[in-house]
Amino acid sequence: MFVVIFRAKVRVLDEEYSKVANRMRELALSQFGCLEFHAVTEGRDEVALSYWPSEEAIKAWKSHPEHVLAQRIGRERWYESYSVQVAAVTREYRKAT
């Protein structure tokens, strides 16, 4: 399993951002094999964690035309700066519920 860590400094989040973010989450989860997706914005800092079964799924997601457009708009309008990290999950612990 892999995790994509997206961190950004927010410039502005408008109504279109919310619509696009919801659509991107929906696509990732329903069409690209994303296992989980969590995002938090606190002040001007945004962090999103998405979990994926493979690097191939991440690459397919990154190059999807709707996602490419969202990335461009993000760079131009919504984010002052951002970073993306991809990491392999090598160990996981859970408490059963």
C-alpha atoms as a PDB file:
ATOM      1  CA  MET A   1       0.000   0.000   0.000  1.00  0.00           C
ATOM      2  CA  PHE A   2       1.126   3.566  -0.722  1.00  0.00           C
ATOM      3  CA  VAL A   3       0.183   6.931   0.738  1.00  0.00           C
ATOM      4  CA  VAL A   4       0.212  10.244  -1.120  1.00  0.00           C
ATOM      5  CA  ILE A   5       0.784  13.188   1.207  1.00  0.00           C
ATOM      6  CA  PHE A   6      -0.307  16.504  -0.278  1.00  0.00           C
ATOM      7  CA  ARG A   7       0.547  19.626   1.713  1.00  0.00           C
ATOM      8  CA  ALA A   8      -0.349  23.114   0.552  1.00  0.00           C
ATOM      9  CA  LYS A   9      -0.345  26.734   1.586  1.00  0.00           C
ATOM     10  CA  VAL A  10      -3.808  27.995   0.633  1.00  0.00           C
ATOM     11  CA  ARG A  11      -4.143  31.222  -1.323  1.00  0.00           C
ATOM     12  CA  VAL A  12      -7.931  31.171  -1.630  1.00  0.00           C
ATOM     13  CA  LEU A  13     -10.636  28.499  -1.472  1.00  0.00           C
ATOM     14  CA  ASP A  14     -13.757  29.483  -3.364  1.00  0.00           C
ATOM     15  CA  GLU A  15     -17.014  27.708  -4.224  1.00  0.00           C
ATOM     16  CA  GLU A  16     -15.491  26.132  -7.322  1.00  0.00           C
ATOM     17  CA  TYR A  17     -12.709  24.638  -5.179  1.00  0.00           C
ATOM     18  CA  SER A  18     -15.259  22.756  -3.061  1.00  0.00           C
ATOM     19  CA  LYS A  19     -16.980  21.351  -6.149  1.00  0.00           C
ATOM     20  CA  VAL A  20     -13.713  20.316  -7.791  1.00  0.00           C
ATOM     21  CA  ALA A  21     -12.337  18.797  -4.567  1.00  0.00           C
ATOM     22  CA  ASN A  22     -15.485  16.702  -4.112  1.00  0.00           C
ATOM     23  CA  ARG A  23     -15.335  15.534  -7.739  1.00  0.00           C
ATOM     24  CA  MET A  24     -11.643  14.615  -7.446  1.00  0.00           C
ATOM     25  CA  ARG A  25     -12.267  12.633  -4.268  1.00  0.00           C
ATOM     26  CA  GLU A  26     -15.204  10.833  -5.931  1.00  0.00           C
ATOM     27  CA  LEU A  27     -13.109   9.943  -8.996  1.00  0.00           C
ATOM     28  CA  ALA A  28     -10.127   8.775  -6.963  1.00  0.00           C
ATOM     29  CA  LEU A  29     -12.251   6.492  -4.799  1.00  0.00           C
ATOM     30  CA  SER A  30     -14.603   5.155  -7.471  1.00  0.00           C
ATOM     31  CA  GLN A  31     -12.424   4.851 -10.592  1.00  0.00           C
ATOM     32  CA  PHE A  32      -8.769   4.731  -9.606  1.00  0.00           C
ATOM     33  CA  GLY A  33      -8.652   2.360  -6.663  1.00  0.00           C
ATOM     34  CA  CYS A  34      -8.015   4.909  -3.929  1.00  0.00           C
ATOM     35  CA  LEU A  35      -8.612   3.083  -0.654  1.00  0.00           C
ATOM     36  CA  GLU A  36      -9.077   6.080   1.670  1.00  0.00           C
ATOM     37  CA  PHE A  37      -8.945   9.850   1.331  1.00  0.00           C
ATOM     38  CA  HIS A  38      -8.714  12.354   4.190  1.00  0.00           C
ATOM     39  CA  ALA A  39      -8.185  16.119   3.974  1.00  0.00           C
ATOM     40  CA  VAL A  40      -7.906  18.818   6.626  1.00  0.00           C
ATOM     41  CA  THR A  41      -7.555  22.575   6.253  1.00  0.00           C
ATOM     42  CA  GLU A  42      -6.453  24.589   9.251  1.00  0.00           C
ATOM     43  CA  GLY A  43      -5.975  28.276   8.628  1.00  0.00           C
ATOM     44  CA  ARG A  44      -3.934  28.479   5.436  1.00  0.00           C
ATOM     45  CA  ASP A  45      -2.477  24.976   5.754  1.00  0.00           C
ATOM     46  CA  GLU A  46      -4.056  22.037   3.947  1.00  0.00           C
ATOM     47  CA  VAL A  47      -3.029  18.399   4.288  1.00  0.00           C
ATOM     48  CA  ALA A  48      -4.550  15.531   2.322  1.00  0.00           C
ATOM     49  CA  LEU A  49      -3.700  11.859   2.738  1.00  0.00           C
ATOM     50  CA  SER A  50      -4.796   9.339   0.156  1.00  0.00           C
ATOM     51  CA  TYR A  51      -4.046   5.628   0.329  1.00  0.00           C
ATOM     52  CA  TRP A  52      -3.497   3.545  -2.800  1.00  0.00           C
ATOM     53  CA  PRO A  53      -2.927  -0.130  -3.636  1.00  0.00           C
ATOM     54  CA  SER A  54      -0.085   0.552  -6.112  1.00  0.00           C
ATOM     55  CA  GLU A  55       2.134   3.183  -7.679  1.00  0.00           C
ATOM     56  CA  GLU A  56       0.488   2.408 -11.022  1.00  0.00           C
ATOM     57  CA  ALA A  57      -2.890   3.500  -9.606  1.00  0.00           C
ATOM     58  CA  ILE A  58      -1.312   6.737  -8.348  1.00  0.00           C
ATOM     59  CA  LYS A  59       0.266   7.444 -11.750  1.00  0.00           C
ATOM     60  CA  ALA A  60      -3.030   6.772 -13.549  1.00  0.00           C
ATOM     61  CA  TRP A  61      -4.805   9.146 -11.167  1.00  0.00           C
ATOM     62  CA  LYS A  62      -2.145  11.845 -11.574  1.00  0.00           C
ATOM     63  CA  SER A  63      -2.491  11.796 -15.364  1.00  0.00           C
ATOM     64  CA  HIS A  64      -6.313  11.668 -15.615  1.00  0.00           C
ATOM     65  CA  PRO A  65      -7.494  14.686 -17.689  1.00  0.00           C
ATOM     66  CA  GLU A  66      -9.898  16.036 -15.035  1.00  0.00           C
ATOM     67  CA  HIS A  67      -7.209  15.749 -12.371  1.00  0.00           C
ATOM     68  CA  VAL A  68      -4.629  17.432 -14.632  1.00  0.00           C
ATOM     69  CA  LEU A  69      -7.028  20.364 -15.085  1.00  0.00           C
ATOM     70  CA  ALA A  70      -7.680  20.549 -11.319  1.00  0.00           C
ATOM     71  CA  GLN A  71      -3.925  20.564 -10.693  1.00  0.00           C
ATOM     72  CA  ARG A  72      -3.458  23.470 -13.119  1.00  0.00           C
ATOM     73  CA  ILE A  73      -6.239  25.516 -11.521  1.00  0.00           C
ATOM     74  CA  GLY A  74      -4.810  24.703  -8.092  1.00  0.00           C
ATOM     75  CA  ARG A  75      -1.400  26.063  -9.081  1.00  0.00           C
ATOM     76  CA  GLU A  76      -2.899  29.164 -10.690  1.00  0.00           C
ATOM     77  CA  ARG A  77      -5.642  30.044  -8.219  1.00  0.00           C
ATOM     78  CA  TRP A  78      -6.047  28.037  -5.020  1.00  0.00           C
ATOM     79  CA  TYR A  79      -2.546  27.275  -3.758  1.00  0.00           C
ATOM     80  CA  GLU A  80       0.338  29.581  -2.999  1.00  0.00           C
ATOM     81  CA  SER A  81       2.664  26.575  -2.706  1.00  0.00           C
ATOM     82  CA  TYR A  82       2.374  22.810  -2.325  1.00  0.00           C
ATOM     83  CA  SER A  83       4.349  19.604  -2.003  1.00  0.00           C
ATOM     84  CA  VAL A  84       3.517  15.997  -2.804  1.00  0.00           C
ATOM     85  CA  GLN A  85       5.173  12.979  -1.230  1.00  0.00           C
ATOM     86  CA  VAL A  86       4.561   9.343  -2.130  1.00  0.00           C
ATOM     87  CA  ALA A  87       5.544   6.768   0.482  1.00  0.00           C
ATOM     88  CA  ALA A  88       5.242   3.017   0.834  1.00  0.00           C
ATOM     89  CA  VAL A  89       3.421   1.824   3.935  1.00  0.00           C
ATOM     90  CA  THR A  90       5.695  -0.876   5.305  1.00  0.00           C
ATOM     91  CA  ARG A  91       3.884  -1.603   8.538  1.00  0.00           C
ATOM     92  CA  GLU A  92       0.407  -0.997   9.943  1.00  0.00           C
ATOM     93  CA  TYR A  93      -1.064  -1.488  13.397  1.00  0.00           C
ATOM     94  CA  ARG A  94      -4.734  -1.385  14.298  1.00  0.00           C
ATOM     95  CA  LYS A  95      -6.910  -1.827  17.305  1.00  0.00           C
ATOM     96  CA  ALA A  96      -9.940  -3.935  16.456  1.00  0.00           C
ATOM     97  CA  THR A  97     -13.338  -2.395  17.163  1.00  0.00           C
END
